[in-house]
Structures are given as structure tokens and as C-alpha cells.
C-alpha atoms as a PDB file:
ATOM      1  CA  MET A   1     159.799 177.287  69.776  1.00  0.00           C
ATOM      2  CA  SER A   2     160.583 179.122  66.600  1.00  0.00           C
ATOM      3  CA  VAL A   3     158.688 181.236  64.096  1.00  0.00           C
ATOM      4  CA  GLU A   4     159.287 182.202  60.502  1.00  0.00           C
ATOM      5  CA  VAL A   5     159.298 185.772  59.259  1.00  0.00           C
ATOM      6  CA  GLY A   6     156.845 186.086  56.364  1.00  0.00           C
ATOM      7  CA  LYS A   7     157.044 188.017  53.120  1.00  0.00           C
ATOM      8  CA  TYR A   8     155.940 191.322  54.683  1.00  0.00           C
ATOM      9  CA  GLY A   9     157.849 190.891  57.961  1.00  0.00           C
ATOM     10  CA  ARG A  10     154.923 189.242  59.692  1.00  0.00           C
ATOM     11  CA  ILE A  11     155.352 186.628  62.387  1.00  0.00           C
ATOM     12  CA  VAL A  12     152.791 184.391  64.075  1.00  0.00           C
ATOM     13  CA  LEU A  13     153.240 183.901  67.792  1.00  0.00           C
ATOM     14  CA  PRO A  14     152.738 180.284  68.888  1.00  0.00           C
ATOM     15  CA  LYS A  15     149.362 179.576  70.513  1.00  0.00           C
ATOM     16  CA  GLN A  16     151.024 178.430  73.729  1.00  0.00           C
ATOM     17  CA  LEU A  17     152.687 181.855  74.208  1.00  0.00           C
ATOM     18  CA  ARG A  18     149.552 183.802  73.222  1.00  0.00           C
ATOM     19  CA  GLN A  19     147.537 181.897  75.824  1.00  0.00           C
ATOM     20  CA  LYS A  20     150.220 182.178  78.507  1.00  0.00           C
ATOM     21  CA  TYR A  21     150.424 185.959  78.151  1.00  0.00           C
ATOM     22  CA  GLY A  22     146.751 186.610  77.361  1.00  0.00           C
ATOM     23  CA  MET A  23     147.386 187.907  73.849  1.00  0.00           C
ATOM     24  CA  ASP A  24     144.121 188.020  71.964  1.00  0.00           C
ATOM     25  CA  GLU A  25     143.509 189.320  68.448  1.00  0.00           C
ATOM     26  CA  GLY A  26     143.944 193.077  68.249  1.00  0.00           C
ATOM     27  CA  ILE A  27     146.344 193.408  71.202  1.00  0.00           C
ATOM     28  CA  ARG A  28     148.977 196.122  70.800  1.00  0.00           C
ATOM     29  CA  LEU A  29     152.657 195.417  71.365  1.00  0.00           C
ATOM     30  CA  ILE A  30     155.612 197.713  71.859  1.00  0.00           C
ATOM     31  CA  ILE A  31     158.610 196.458  69.909  1.00  0.00           C
ATOM     32  CA  THR A  32     161.970 197.368  71.393  1.00  0.00           C
ATOM     33  CA  GLU A  33     165.558 196.210  71.468  1.00  0.00           C
ATOM     34  CA  TYR A  34     167.211 195.154  74.700  1.00  0.00           C
ATOM     35  CA  MET A  35     170.774 193.872  74.964  1.00  0.00           C
ATOM     36  CA  GLY A  36     170.852 192.878  71.288  1.00  0.00           C
ATOM     37  CA  ARG A  37     167.458 191.149  71.330  1.00  0.00           C
ATOM     38  CA  ILE A  38     164.028 192.059  70.009  1.00  0.00           C
ATOM     39  CA  CYS A  39     161.418 192.339  72.755  1.00  0.00           C
ATOM     40  CA  LEU A  40     157.643 192.418  72.358  1.00  0.00           C
ATOM     41  CA  VAL A  41     155.862 194.097  75.267  1.00  0.00           C
ATOM     42  CA  PRO A  42     152.057 193.872  75.465  1.00  0.00           C
ATOM     43  CA  VAL A  43     150.283 197.171  76.075  1.00  0.00           C
ATOM     44  CA  SER A  44     147.365 197.161  78.482  1.00  0.00           C
ATOM     45  CA  LYS A  45     144.132 198.736  77.287  1.00  0.00           C
ATOM     46  CA  TYR A  46     141.986 200.692  79.686  1.00  0.00           C
ATOM     47  CA  GLU A  47     138.332 201.672  79.488  1.00  0.00           C
ATOM     48  CA  LYS A  48     139.285 205.133  80.760  1.00  0.00           C
ATOM     49  CA  PRO A  49     142.998 205.710  80.038  1.00  0.00           C
ATOM     50  CA  THR A  50     143.035 209.044  81.835  1.00  0.00           C
ATOM     51  CA  GLU A  51     142.135 207.301  85.092  1.00  0.00           C
ATOM     52  CA  ALA A  52     144.965 204.788  84.615  1.00  0.00           C
ATOM     53  CA  LEU A  53     147.443 207.636  84.195  1.00  0.00           C
ATOM     54  CA  TYR A  54     146.121 209.858  86.973  1.00  0.00           C
ATOM     55  CA  GLY A  55     149.049 211.106  89.034  1.00  0.00           C
ATOM     56  CA  ALA A  56     151.716 209.580  86.758  1.00  0.00           C
ATOM     57  CA  VAL A  57     152.872 212.921  85.353  1.00  0.00           C
ATOM     58  CA  LYS A  58     153.776 215.889  87.523  1.00  0.00           C
ATOM     59  CA  LEU A  59     153.849 219.183  85.622  1.00  0.00           C
ATOM     60  CA  GLU A  60     155.102 222.636  86.500  1.00  0.00           C
ATOM     61  CA  LYS A  61     153.456 224.189  83.444  1.00  0.00           C
ATOM     62  CA  PRO A  62     150.675 223.106  81.021  1.00  0.00           C
ATOM     63  CA  ILE A  63     151.539 220.874  78.051  1.00  0.00           C
ATOM     64  CA  ASN A  64     150.321 221.116  74.467  1.00  0.00           C
ATOM     65  CA  GLU A  65     150.269 217.389  73.599  1.00  0.00           C
ATOM     66  CA  PRO A  66     149.108 215.387  76.648  1.00  0.00           C
ATOM     67  CA  LYS A  67     148.431 212.142  74.711  1.00  0.00           C
ATOM     68  CA  ARG A  68     151.955 212.063  73.247  1.00  0.00           C
ATOM     69  CA  LEU A  69     153.487 212.735  76.662  1.00  0.00           C
ATOM     70  CA  ALA A  70     151.368 210.000  78.260  1.00  0.00           C
ATOM     71  CA  ARG A  71     152.344 207.433  75.600  1.00  0.00           C
ATOM     72  CA  GLU A  72     156.039 208.251  76.059  1.00  0.00           C
ATOM     73  CA  HIS A  73     155.674 207.811  79.829  1.00  0.00           C
ATOM     74  CA  ILE A  74     154.002 204.395  79.424  1.00  0.00           C
ATOM     75  CA  ARG A  75     156.655 203.182  76.954  1.00  0.00           C
ATOM     76  CA  LYS A  76     159.421 204.289  79.331  1.00  0.00           C
ATOM     77  CA  LYS A  77     157.830 202.437  82.258  1.00  0.00           C
ATOM     78  CA  LEU A  78     157.317 199.249  80.209  1.00  0.00           C
ATOM     79  CA  VAL A  79     160.920 199.238  78.964  1.00  0.00           C
ATOM     80  CA  GLU A  80     162.217 199.842  82.512  1.00  0.00           C
ATOM     81  CA  GLY A  81     160.299 196.743  83.610  1.00  0.00           C
ATOM     82  CA  LEU A  82     162.288 194.477  81.262  1.00  0.00           C
END
């Protein structure tokens, strides 16, 4: 399979891959590099994201930006899974 990069850097993922990985319209992807390759990692959406993250972060003191910290934690875990 191959895709073409469009005028604005857009690509269209082949239908076979979208179906295989459950990628519907509006899904969010993390784009990262790994060993000289571009990787697209789908991000799961949760009805209640705070419940999905419960217990994932252990803190000694309060934080000012909990959403930013949570997003960084999720990205780190997804990249580690590659």
C-alpha cells in the first residue's frame, strides 16, 4: 500500500487499514518518529477521561495543570508501547 502526500501535507489512509484499526472519522492520532520512521498512534477517547486515568499519576504535591500532565503521561505510555 502507498499513499500520496497532498498539497497541504494531507494523506488519506487506505480503507483496509482504517477498518483494521477501527479508525473512524474524527479519530485523533499521535504522530511520532521511531527509528527513522513516522508512526501514527490512535488515541482512545473516553466518556469520562478522569476515570481512565485514575491512579496513573502519583503526586507528592498538587499540580497546576492536571490536563497537560495527563496528556504527557498518555503520550509517553503510547510511545513506549511501540
